[in-house]
N, C-alpha and C. Protein backbone atom coordinates (compact mmCIF):
# COMPACT_ATOMS: atom_id res chain seq x y z
N MET A 1 21.39 27.56 -3.52
CA MET A 1 20.47 26.53 -3.11
C MET A 1 20.97 25.85 -1.85
N ARG A 2 20.02 25.32 -1.07
CA ARG A 2 20.38 24.61 0.15
C ARG A 2 19.61 23.30 0.21
N ILE A 3 20.15 22.36 0.94
CA ILE A 3 19.49 21.07 1.13
C ILE A 3 18.49 21.22 2.27
N LYS A 4 17.28 20.74 2.05
CA LYS A 4 16.21 20.85 3.04
C LYS A 4 15.86 19.46 3.58
N TYR A 5 15.72 19.36 4.88
CA TYR A 5 15.27 18.13 5.54
C TYR A 5 13.75 18.10 5.40
N ASN A 6 13.28 17.78 4.20
CA ASN A 6 11.91 18.02 3.79
C ASN A 6 10.87 17.06 4.36
N ALA A 7 11.26 15.91 4.81
CA ALA A 7 10.31 14.93 5.34
C ALA A 7 10.91 14.33 6.61
N PRO A 8 10.80 15.05 7.74
CA PRO A 8 11.52 14.64 8.94
C PRO A 8 11.19 13.23 9.42
N THR A 9 9.94 12.82 9.35
CA THR A 9 9.58 11.48 9.82
C THR A 9 10.22 10.41 8.94
N VAL A 10 10.06 10.55 7.64
CA VAL A 10 10.58 9.55 6.70
C VAL A 10 12.11 9.55 6.71
N LEU A 11 12.72 10.72 6.68
CA LEU A 11 14.18 10.79 6.64
C LEU A 11 14.80 10.26 7.95
N THR A 12 14.21 10.60 9.08
CA THR A 12 14.74 10.11 10.35
C THR A 12 14.61 8.59 10.43
N PHE A 13 13.47 8.06 9.99
CA PHE A 13 13.26 6.62 9.94
C PHE A 13 14.32 5.94 9.06
N ALA A 14 14.58 6.52 7.90
CA ALA A 14 15.58 5.95 6.98
C ALA A 14 16.99 6.02 7.58
N LEU A 15 17.34 7.15 8.14
CA LEU A 15 18.68 7.31 8.72
C LEU A 15 18.89 6.41 9.93
N LEU A 16 17.89 6.30 10.80
CA LEU A 16 18.02 5.41 11.96
C LEU A 16 18.14 3.95 11.52
N SER A 17 17.39 3.57 10.51
CA SER A 17 17.46 2.19 10.00
C SER A 17 18.84 1.90 9.41
N ALA A 18 19.39 2.86 8.67
CA ALA A 18 20.74 2.69 8.12
C ALA A 18 21.77 2.61 9.25
N LEU A 19 21.61 3.45 10.27
CA LEU A 19 22.53 3.43 11.41
C LEU A 19 22.48 2.08 12.14
N VAL A 20 21.29 1.53 12.32
CA VAL A 20 21.16 0.22 12.96
C VAL A 20 21.92 -0.83 12.16
N LEU A 21 21.79 -0.80 10.85
CA LEU A 21 22.50 -1.77 10.01
C LEU A 21 24.01 -1.57 10.08
N VAL A 22 24.47 -0.33 10.00
CA VAL A 22 25.90 -0.05 10.08
C VAL A 22 26.47 -0.54 11.41
N LEU A 23 25.81 -0.18 12.50
CA LEU A 23 26.30 -0.59 13.82
C LEU A 23 26.25 -2.10 14.00
N SER A 24 25.19 -2.72 13.49
CA SER A 24 25.04 -4.16 13.61
C SER A 24 26.09 -4.93 12.83
N ARG A 25 26.57 -4.34 11.75
CA ARG A 25 27.56 -5.01 10.91
C ARG A 25 28.99 -4.58 11.24
N SER A 26 29.16 -3.68 12.24
CA SER A 26 30.52 -3.24 12.58
C SER A 26 30.75 -3.28 14.09
N LEU A 27 30.44 -2.22 14.78
CA LEU A 27 30.77 -2.08 16.20
C LEU A 27 29.93 -2.93 17.14
N LEU A 28 28.68 -3.19 16.79
CA LEU A 28 27.76 -3.90 17.68
C LEU A 28 27.13 -5.10 16.96
N PRO A 29 27.92 -6.13 16.69
CA PRO A 29 27.36 -7.29 15.99
C PRO A 29 26.15 -7.86 16.73
N GLY A 30 25.13 -8.17 15.99
CA GLY A 30 23.92 -8.74 16.58
C GLY A 30 22.91 -7.71 17.08
N LEU A 31 23.23 -6.42 16.97
CA LEU A 31 22.33 -5.37 17.44
C LEU A 31 20.95 -5.51 16.78
N ALA A 32 20.93 -5.65 15.47
CA ALA A 32 19.65 -5.73 14.75
C ALA A 32 18.85 -6.95 15.19
N GLU A 33 19.52 -8.07 15.35
CA GLU A 33 18.83 -9.30 15.74
C GLU A 33 18.32 -9.25 17.18
N GLU A 34 19.02 -8.53 18.05
CA GLU A 34 18.64 -8.47 19.45
C GLU A 34 17.54 -7.45 19.75
N TRP A 35 17.63 -6.27 19.12
CA TRP A 35 16.73 -5.17 19.47
C TRP A 35 15.79 -4.75 18.35
N PHE A 36 16.06 -5.18 17.13
CA PHE A 36 15.29 -4.72 15.97
C PHE A 36 14.74 -5.88 15.15
N MET A 37 14.32 -6.93 15.85
CA MET A 37 13.73 -8.10 15.19
C MET A 37 12.77 -8.76 16.17
N VAL A 38 11.55 -9.06 15.71
CA VAL A 38 10.62 -9.83 16.53
C VAL A 38 11.21 -11.24 16.61
N PRO A 39 11.42 -11.75 17.83
CA PRO A 39 12.11 -13.04 17.97
C PRO A 39 11.32 -14.21 17.39
N GLU A 40 12.07 -15.18 16.96
CA GLU A 40 11.50 -16.38 16.34
C GLU A 40 10.97 -17.34 17.39
N GLY A 41 9.64 -17.46 17.45
CA GLY A 41 9.01 -18.49 18.26
C GLY A 41 9.14 -18.40 19.76
N ASN A 42 9.93 -17.50 20.28
CA ASN A 42 10.10 -17.46 21.74
C ASN A 42 9.90 -16.04 22.28
N PHE A 43 8.74 -15.47 22.00
CA PHE A 43 8.39 -14.16 22.54
C PHE A 43 8.07 -14.33 24.02
N HIS A 44 8.74 -13.54 24.86
CA HIS A 44 8.52 -13.60 26.30
C HIS A 44 7.80 -12.33 26.74
N PRO A 45 6.54 -12.43 27.17
CA PRO A 45 5.76 -11.25 27.54
C PRO A 45 6.39 -10.41 28.66
N GLY A 46 7.24 -10.99 29.48
CA GLY A 46 7.89 -10.24 30.55
C GLY A 46 9.15 -9.51 30.12
N SER A 47 9.52 -9.64 28.85
CA SER A 47 10.76 -9.04 28.36
C SER A 47 10.51 -7.69 27.69
N LEU A 48 11.10 -6.63 28.26
CA LEU A 48 10.99 -5.30 27.66
C LEU A 48 11.53 -5.31 26.24
N ARG A 49 12.64 -6.00 26.02
CA ARG A 49 13.25 -6.07 24.70
C ARG A 49 12.28 -6.68 23.69
N ASN A 50 11.55 -7.73 24.07
CA ASN A 50 10.58 -8.34 23.16
C ASN A 50 9.46 -7.37 22.81
N TRP A 51 8.98 -6.62 23.80
CA TRP A 51 7.91 -5.65 23.52
C TRP A 51 8.40 -4.51 22.64
N LEU A 52 9.61 -4.04 22.89
CA LEU A 52 10.16 -2.98 22.03
C LEU A 52 10.31 -3.47 20.59
N SER A 53 10.71 -4.71 20.43
CA SER A 53 10.93 -5.23 19.08
C SER A 53 9.64 -5.33 18.27
N ILE A 54 8.50 -5.33 18.94
CA ILE A 54 7.20 -5.35 18.25
C ILE A 54 7.09 -4.14 17.33
N VAL A 55 7.69 -3.01 17.73
CA VAL A 55 7.65 -1.80 16.91
C VAL A 55 8.99 -1.55 16.22
N THR A 56 10.10 -1.80 16.90
CA THR A 56 11.42 -1.46 16.33
C THR A 56 11.86 -2.40 15.22
N HIS A 57 11.16 -3.52 15.02
CA HIS A 57 11.56 -4.45 13.95
C HIS A 57 11.58 -3.78 12.59
N THR A 58 10.84 -2.69 12.44
CA THR A 58 10.81 -2.00 11.15
C THR A 58 12.12 -1.27 10.85
N MET A 59 12.96 -1.06 11.85
CA MET A 59 14.25 -0.40 11.63
C MET A 59 15.40 -1.39 11.48
N GLY A 60 15.13 -2.68 11.65
CA GLY A 60 16.17 -3.69 11.50
C GLY A 60 16.14 -4.30 10.11
N HIS A 61 17.29 -4.47 9.51
CA HIS A 61 17.42 -5.09 8.18
C HIS A 61 18.63 -6.01 8.20
N ASP A 62 18.54 -7.11 7.50
CA ASP A 62 19.63 -8.08 7.57
C ASP A 62 20.74 -7.84 6.57
N SER A 63 20.53 -6.92 5.63
CA SER A 63 21.56 -6.65 4.62
C SER A 63 21.28 -5.30 3.96
N TRP A 64 22.29 -4.81 3.22
CA TRP A 64 22.10 -3.57 2.48
C TRP A 64 21.05 -3.72 1.38
N PRO A 65 21.03 -4.82 0.61
CA PRO A 65 19.96 -4.96 -0.39
C PRO A 65 18.56 -4.95 0.24
N HIS A 66 18.43 -5.55 1.42
CA HIS A 66 17.15 -5.55 2.12
C HIS A 66 16.74 -4.11 2.47
N LEU A 67 17.66 -3.34 3.06
CA LEU A 67 17.38 -1.96 3.43
C LEU A 67 17.11 -1.10 2.20
N ILE A 68 17.93 -1.22 1.19
CA ILE A 68 17.77 -0.41 -0.02
C ILE A 68 16.47 -0.75 -0.73
N GLY A 69 16.11 -2.03 -0.76
CA GLY A 69 14.85 -2.43 -1.38
C GLY A 69 13.65 -1.78 -0.71
N ASN A 70 13.67 -1.72 0.62
CA ASN A 70 12.56 -1.09 1.34
C ASN A 70 12.59 0.43 1.20
N PHE A 71 13.74 1.04 1.40
CA PHE A 71 13.78 2.49 1.47
C PHE A 71 13.81 3.19 0.12
N SER A 72 14.09 2.48 -0.95
CA SER A 72 14.00 3.13 -2.26
C SER A 72 12.54 3.53 -2.53
N VAL A 73 11.59 2.73 -2.07
CA VAL A 73 10.17 3.07 -2.25
C VAL A 73 9.72 4.01 -1.13
N ILE A 74 10.12 3.74 0.10
CA ILE A 74 9.71 4.60 1.22
C ILE A 74 10.17 6.04 0.99
N LEU A 75 11.40 6.22 0.51
CA LEU A 75 11.90 7.58 0.27
C LEU A 75 11.26 8.23 -0.95
N LEU A 76 10.69 7.44 -1.83
CA LEU A 76 9.99 7.98 -2.99
C LEU A 76 8.56 8.40 -2.63
N VAL A 77 7.85 7.56 -1.90
CA VAL A 77 6.44 7.79 -1.60
C VAL A 77 6.25 8.54 -0.27
N GLY A 78 7.10 8.27 0.70
CA GLY A 78 6.95 8.82 2.04
C GLY A 78 6.87 10.33 2.13
N PRO A 79 7.76 11.09 1.46
CA PRO A 79 7.67 12.55 1.57
C PRO A 79 6.34 13.12 1.08
N MET A 80 5.78 12.55 0.03
CA MET A 80 4.48 13.00 -0.47
C MET A 80 3.41 12.74 0.60
N LEU A 81 3.47 11.56 1.23
CA LEU A 81 2.50 11.23 2.28
C LEU A 81 2.68 12.14 3.49
N GLU A 82 3.92 12.41 3.84
CA GLU A 82 4.19 13.28 4.98
C GLU A 82 3.66 14.69 4.74
N GLU A 83 3.77 15.15 3.51
CA GLU A 83 3.22 16.46 3.17
C GLU A 83 1.70 16.45 3.20
N SER A 84 1.10 15.35 2.74
CA SER A 84 -0.36 15.26 2.68
C SER A 84 -1.01 15.02 4.03
N TYR A 85 -0.37 14.23 4.88
CA TYR A 85 -0.98 13.83 6.15
C TYR A 85 -0.36 14.51 7.36
N GLY A 86 0.84 15.03 7.22
CA GLY A 86 1.54 15.64 8.35
C GLY A 86 2.53 14.65 8.96
N SER A 87 3.59 15.17 9.53
CA SER A 87 4.66 14.33 10.08
C SER A 87 4.18 13.46 11.23
N LEU A 88 3.44 14.04 12.17
CA LEU A 88 2.99 13.26 13.33
C LEU A 88 1.96 12.21 12.94
N SER A 89 1.06 12.55 12.03
CA SER A 89 0.06 11.57 11.58
C SER A 89 0.74 10.41 10.87
N LEU A 90 1.72 10.71 10.02
CA LEU A 90 2.43 9.64 9.32
C LEU A 90 3.21 8.78 10.32
N LEU A 91 3.84 9.41 11.29
CA LEU A 91 4.56 8.65 12.33
C LEU A 91 3.60 7.72 13.08
N LEU A 92 2.42 8.22 13.40
CA LEU A 92 1.42 7.40 14.07
C LEU A 92 0.98 6.23 13.19
N MET A 93 0.75 6.48 11.91
CA MET A 93 0.36 5.41 10.99
C MET A 93 1.47 4.37 10.85
N MET A 94 2.71 4.82 10.78
CA MET A 94 3.84 3.89 10.69
C MET A 94 3.94 3.06 11.97
N SER A 95 3.74 3.70 13.11
CA SER A 95 3.83 2.99 14.40
C SER A 95 2.70 1.97 14.55
N ILE A 96 1.50 2.33 14.17
CA ILE A 96 0.37 1.40 14.23
C ILE A 96 0.62 0.22 13.32
N THR A 97 1.14 0.48 12.13
CA THR A 97 1.44 -0.59 11.18
C THR A 97 2.51 -1.52 11.75
N ALA A 98 3.56 -0.94 12.34
CA ALA A 98 4.62 -1.75 12.95
C ALA A 98 4.04 -2.60 14.08
N LEU A 99 3.22 -1.99 14.91
CA LEU A 99 2.60 -2.71 16.02
C LEU A 99 1.72 -3.84 15.51
N ALA A 100 0.91 -3.57 14.50
CA ALA A 100 0.01 -4.60 13.95
C ALA A 100 0.80 -5.75 13.34
N THR A 101 1.80 -5.46 12.54
CA THR A 101 2.58 -6.54 11.92
C THR A 101 3.35 -7.32 12.97
N GLY A 102 3.91 -6.62 13.96
CA GLY A 102 4.67 -7.30 15.01
C GLY A 102 3.80 -8.19 15.88
N LEU A 103 2.68 -7.65 16.35
CA LEU A 103 1.80 -8.44 17.22
C LEU A 103 1.20 -9.63 16.48
N LEU A 104 0.73 -9.40 15.27
CA LEU A 104 0.14 -10.51 14.51
C LEU A 104 1.17 -11.59 14.21
N ASN A 105 2.41 -11.18 13.96
CA ASN A 105 3.46 -12.16 13.74
C ASN A 105 3.68 -13.02 14.99
N VAL A 106 3.69 -12.37 16.16
CA VAL A 106 3.88 -13.11 17.42
C VAL A 106 2.72 -14.08 17.65
N PHE A 107 1.49 -13.63 17.41
CA PHE A 107 0.33 -14.47 17.71
C PHE A 107 0.09 -15.56 16.68
N LEU A 108 0.47 -15.34 15.42
CA LEU A 108 0.10 -16.28 14.36
C LEU A 108 1.24 -17.14 13.82
N PHE A 109 2.48 -16.70 14.02
CA PHE A 109 3.61 -17.40 13.42
C PHE A 109 4.69 -17.65 14.46
N ARG A 110 5.55 -18.58 14.17
CA ARG A 110 6.70 -18.85 15.03
C ARG A 110 7.99 -18.38 14.36
N SER A 111 7.86 -17.49 13.39
CA SER A 111 9.04 -17.00 12.67
C SER A 111 9.41 -15.61 13.16
N SER A 112 10.66 -15.24 12.92
CA SER A 112 11.12 -13.90 13.28
C SER A 112 10.58 -12.90 12.24
N LEU A 113 10.68 -11.63 12.57
CA LEU A 113 10.21 -10.57 11.67
C LEU A 113 11.16 -9.40 11.77
N MET A 114 11.65 -8.95 10.63
CA MET A 114 12.60 -7.85 10.59
C MET A 114 12.41 -7.09 9.28
N GLY A 115 12.42 -5.76 9.34
CA GLY A 115 12.37 -4.94 8.14
C GLY A 115 11.17 -4.04 8.07
N ALA A 116 11.23 -3.11 7.13
CA ALA A 116 10.22 -2.06 6.99
C ALA A 116 9.21 -2.34 5.89
N SER A 117 9.14 -3.56 5.41
CA SER A 117 8.27 -3.81 4.26
C SER A 117 6.79 -3.67 4.60
N GLY A 118 6.38 -3.93 5.85
CA GLY A 118 4.99 -3.68 6.22
C GLY A 118 4.67 -2.19 6.12
N VAL A 119 5.58 -1.35 6.58
CA VAL A 119 5.41 0.10 6.47
C VAL A 119 5.42 0.51 5.00
N LEU A 120 6.29 -0.10 4.21
CA LEU A 120 6.36 0.19 2.78
C LEU A 120 5.01 -0.09 2.11
N PHE A 121 4.43 -1.26 2.38
CA PHE A 121 3.14 -1.60 1.77
C PHE A 121 2.02 -0.70 2.30
N MET A 122 2.09 -0.28 3.57
CA MET A 122 1.12 0.68 4.09
C MET A 122 1.19 1.95 3.27
N MET A 123 2.41 2.43 3.02
CA MET A 123 2.58 3.68 2.26
C MET A 123 2.10 3.54 0.82
N ILE A 124 2.37 2.41 0.20
CA ILE A 124 1.95 2.22 -1.19
C ILE A 124 0.43 2.30 -1.30
N LEU A 125 -0.28 1.60 -0.42
CA LEU A 125 -1.75 1.63 -0.47
C LEU A 125 -2.29 2.98 -0.06
N LEU A 126 -1.69 3.60 0.95
CA LEU A 126 -2.13 4.92 1.40
C LEU A 126 -1.93 5.96 0.30
N ALA A 127 -0.85 5.85 -0.45
CA ALA A 127 -0.57 6.82 -1.52
C ALA A 127 -1.67 6.86 -2.57
N SER A 128 -2.34 5.74 -2.77
CA SER A 128 -3.39 5.73 -3.79
C SER A 128 -4.63 6.51 -3.35
N PHE A 129 -4.65 6.98 -2.10
CA PHE A 129 -5.79 7.75 -1.58
C PHE A 129 -5.51 9.24 -1.48
N THR A 130 -4.34 9.70 -1.82
CA THR A 130 -3.98 11.09 -1.52
C THR A 130 -4.82 12.11 -2.27
N ASN A 131 -5.41 11.77 -3.39
CA ASN A 131 -6.20 12.74 -4.16
C ASN A 131 -7.62 12.25 -4.43
N PHE A 132 -8.25 11.65 -3.43
CA PHE A 132 -9.61 11.17 -3.67
C PHE A 132 -10.61 12.02 -2.91
N SER A 133 -11.84 11.99 -3.39
CA SER A 133 -12.93 12.73 -2.74
C SER A 133 -13.73 11.77 -1.87
N HIS A 134 -14.32 12.31 -0.82
CA HIS A 134 -15.11 11.49 0.10
C HIS A 134 -16.24 10.80 -0.66
N GLY A 135 -16.46 9.53 -0.35
CA GLY A 135 -17.52 8.78 -1.00
C GLY A 135 -17.09 8.10 -2.29
N GLU A 136 -15.84 8.25 -2.67
CA GLU A 136 -15.32 7.62 -3.89
C GLU A 136 -14.27 6.59 -3.52
N ILE A 137 -14.14 5.58 -4.36
CA ILE A 137 -13.05 4.62 -4.23
C ILE A 137 -12.15 4.83 -5.45
N PRO A 138 -10.93 5.27 -5.23
CA PRO A 138 -10.04 5.55 -6.36
C PRO A 138 -9.71 4.27 -7.15
N LEU A 139 -9.79 4.35 -8.45
CA LEU A 139 -9.40 3.22 -9.30
C LEU A 139 -7.94 2.86 -9.06
N THR A 140 -7.12 3.87 -8.79
CA THR A 140 -5.70 3.59 -8.51
C THR A 140 -5.57 2.68 -7.29
N PHE A 141 -6.42 2.88 -6.28
CA PHE A 141 -6.40 2.02 -5.11
C PHE A 141 -6.72 0.57 -5.50
N ILE A 142 -7.75 0.39 -6.30
CA ILE A 142 -8.16 -0.96 -6.71
C ILE A 142 -7.04 -1.64 -7.48
N LEU A 143 -6.42 -0.92 -8.40
CA LEU A 143 -5.33 -1.50 -9.19
C LEU A 143 -4.11 -1.82 -8.33
N VAL A 144 -3.76 -0.91 -7.44
CA VAL A 144 -2.62 -1.15 -6.54
C VAL A 144 -2.93 -2.34 -5.63
N LEU A 145 -4.14 -2.41 -5.13
CA LEU A 145 -4.55 -3.53 -4.29
C LEU A 145 -4.38 -4.85 -5.03
N ILE A 146 -4.84 -4.89 -6.27
CA ILE A 146 -4.73 -6.12 -7.07
C ILE A 146 -3.26 -6.45 -7.35
N LEU A 147 -2.50 -5.46 -7.80
CA LEU A 147 -1.11 -5.71 -8.17
C LEU A 147 -0.22 -6.06 -6.99
N TYR A 148 -0.27 -5.24 -5.95
CA TYR A 148 0.65 -5.44 -4.83
C TYR A 148 0.20 -6.54 -3.88
N LEU A 149 -1.03 -6.42 -3.39
CA LEU A 149 -1.48 -7.42 -2.42
C LEU A 149 -1.82 -8.74 -3.09
N GLY A 150 -2.37 -8.70 -4.29
CA GLY A 150 -2.61 -9.94 -5.02
C GLY A 150 -1.31 -10.67 -5.29
N GLY A 151 -0.29 -9.92 -5.66
CA GLY A 151 1.03 -10.52 -5.86
C GLY A 151 1.58 -11.14 -4.59
N GLN A 152 1.33 -10.50 -3.44
CA GLN A 152 1.80 -11.05 -2.18
C GLN A 152 1.06 -12.34 -1.81
N LEU A 153 -0.22 -12.38 -2.13
CA LEU A 153 -0.96 -13.62 -1.88
C LEU A 153 -0.39 -14.76 -2.71
N LEU A 154 -0.07 -14.49 -3.96
CA LEU A 154 0.55 -15.52 -4.81
C LEU A 154 1.94 -15.90 -4.30
N GLU A 155 2.73 -14.90 -3.89
CA GLU A 155 4.08 -15.16 -3.38
C GLU A 155 4.05 -15.96 -2.08
N SER A 156 2.98 -15.83 -1.32
CA SER A 156 2.91 -16.54 -0.04
C SER A 156 2.83 -18.05 -0.23
N LEU A 157 2.55 -18.50 -1.43
CA LEU A 157 2.49 -19.93 -1.70
C LEU A 157 3.89 -20.53 -1.82
N ARG A 158 4.90 -19.67 -2.01
CA ARG A 158 6.29 -20.14 -2.09
C ARG A 158 6.91 -20.17 -0.70
N SER A 159 7.90 -21.00 -0.55
CA SER A 159 8.61 -21.06 0.71
C SER A 159 9.87 -20.21 0.61
N ASP A 160 9.93 -19.13 1.41
CA ASP A 160 11.10 -18.25 1.43
C ASP A 160 11.18 -17.58 2.80
N ASN A 161 12.11 -16.70 2.98
CA ASN A 161 12.27 -16.00 4.26
C ASN A 161 11.62 -14.64 4.27
N ILE A 162 10.66 -14.41 3.39
CA ILE A 162 10.00 -13.12 3.28
C ILE A 162 8.62 -13.23 3.91
N SER A 163 8.25 -12.26 4.71
CA SER A 163 6.95 -12.28 5.38
C SER A 163 5.92 -11.57 4.51
N GLN A 164 5.32 -12.31 3.59
CA GLN A 164 4.26 -11.73 2.77
C GLN A 164 3.10 -11.30 3.67
N PHE A 165 2.93 -11.99 4.80
CA PHE A 165 1.88 -11.63 5.74
C PHE A 165 2.06 -10.19 6.22
N ALA A 166 3.30 -9.79 6.54
CA ALA A 166 3.56 -8.41 6.98
C ALA A 166 3.24 -7.43 5.85
N HIS A 167 3.51 -7.82 4.62
CA HIS A 167 3.18 -6.96 3.48
C HIS A 167 1.67 -6.78 3.38
N ILE A 168 0.94 -7.88 3.53
CA ILE A 168 -0.52 -7.83 3.43
C ILE A 168 -1.11 -7.02 4.58
N VAL A 169 -0.62 -7.23 5.80
CA VAL A 169 -1.10 -6.46 6.95
C VAL A 169 -0.78 -4.98 6.76
N GLY A 170 0.43 -4.66 6.29
CA GLY A 170 0.79 -3.27 6.03
C GLY A 170 -0.13 -2.64 4.99
N GLY A 171 -0.41 -3.38 3.92
CA GLY A 171 -1.33 -2.88 2.89
C GLY A 171 -2.73 -2.68 3.45
N PHE A 172 -3.17 -3.59 4.30
CA PHE A 172 -4.48 -3.46 4.93
C PHE A 172 -4.52 -2.21 5.80
N CYS A 173 -3.46 -1.98 6.58
CA CYS A 173 -3.39 -0.76 7.40
C CYS A 173 -3.45 0.49 6.54
N GLY A 174 -2.68 0.52 5.45
CA GLY A 174 -2.70 1.67 4.55
C GLY A 174 -4.07 1.90 3.95
N SER A 175 -4.78 0.80 3.63
CA SER A 175 -6.14 0.92 3.08
C SER A 175 -7.08 1.53 4.12
N LEU A 176 -7.00 1.05 5.35
CA LEU A 176 -7.85 1.60 6.41
C LEU A 176 -7.55 3.07 6.66
N PHE A 177 -6.26 3.40 6.73
CA PHE A 177 -5.89 4.81 6.93
C PHE A 177 -6.42 5.65 5.78
N GLY A 178 -6.32 5.14 4.55
CA GLY A 178 -6.79 5.89 3.39
C GLY A 178 -8.28 6.15 3.42
N PHE A 179 -9.05 5.15 3.84
CA PHE A 179 -10.51 5.31 3.91
C PHE A 179 -10.95 6.19 5.06
N PHE A 180 -10.30 6.04 6.22
CA PHE A 180 -10.79 6.70 7.43
C PHE A 180 -9.98 7.91 7.88
N ARG A 181 -8.86 8.16 7.28
CA ARG A 181 -8.03 9.31 7.66
C ARG A 181 -7.68 10.09 6.40
N PRO A 182 -8.59 10.99 5.98
CA PRO A 182 -8.31 11.73 4.76
C PRO A 182 -7.09 12.65 4.93
N PRO A 183 -6.39 12.90 3.83
CA PRO A 183 -5.24 13.83 3.92
C PRO A 183 -5.73 15.23 4.26
N ARG A 184 -4.87 15.97 4.93
CA ARG A 184 -5.23 17.36 5.24
C ARG A 184 -5.20 18.15 3.94
N ARG A 185 -6.04 19.10 3.83
CA ARG A 185 -6.10 19.93 2.62
C ARG A 185 -5.29 21.20 2.83
N ALA A 186 -4.56 21.61 1.80
CA ALA A 186 -3.71 22.80 1.91
C ALA A 186 -4.53 24.07 1.90
């Protein structure tokens, strides 16, 4: 038997995110905060670094529990999605989700944004569409929507350092992709 790099988009995303955390906590302190986090309240439109962080924030994590919490689900659901939608399509969906969460955070909030949880919620909602027929709304989608996004709406009433808004936007992106971008058929 041999080990197969079975989901190149998901695995590369996970490995790069882990590398960012390792480097940020060892050789390059502050790397994640400088290049992989949407800045708090002071986004400068003339700064290349600020524009890059709109997308790269999904690869920055502030701790190992933060990274493991996101990637335990991404590594579980992502390969199935990559097989169903294709590597490039999934990369595009992840990038659009990162862009949407990053831009909306800049325009609506003065808080920083870091982590892959928007992408995680996109994948969770998108996964509920992988086996549906055109013209149908999967019951699994409705239940996941209620459980995950409803829970985030309730959690948003608490004061913490978690961006439930990014979770909701990611879930919304996954829902749109599920409705308008059917999986490729084998």
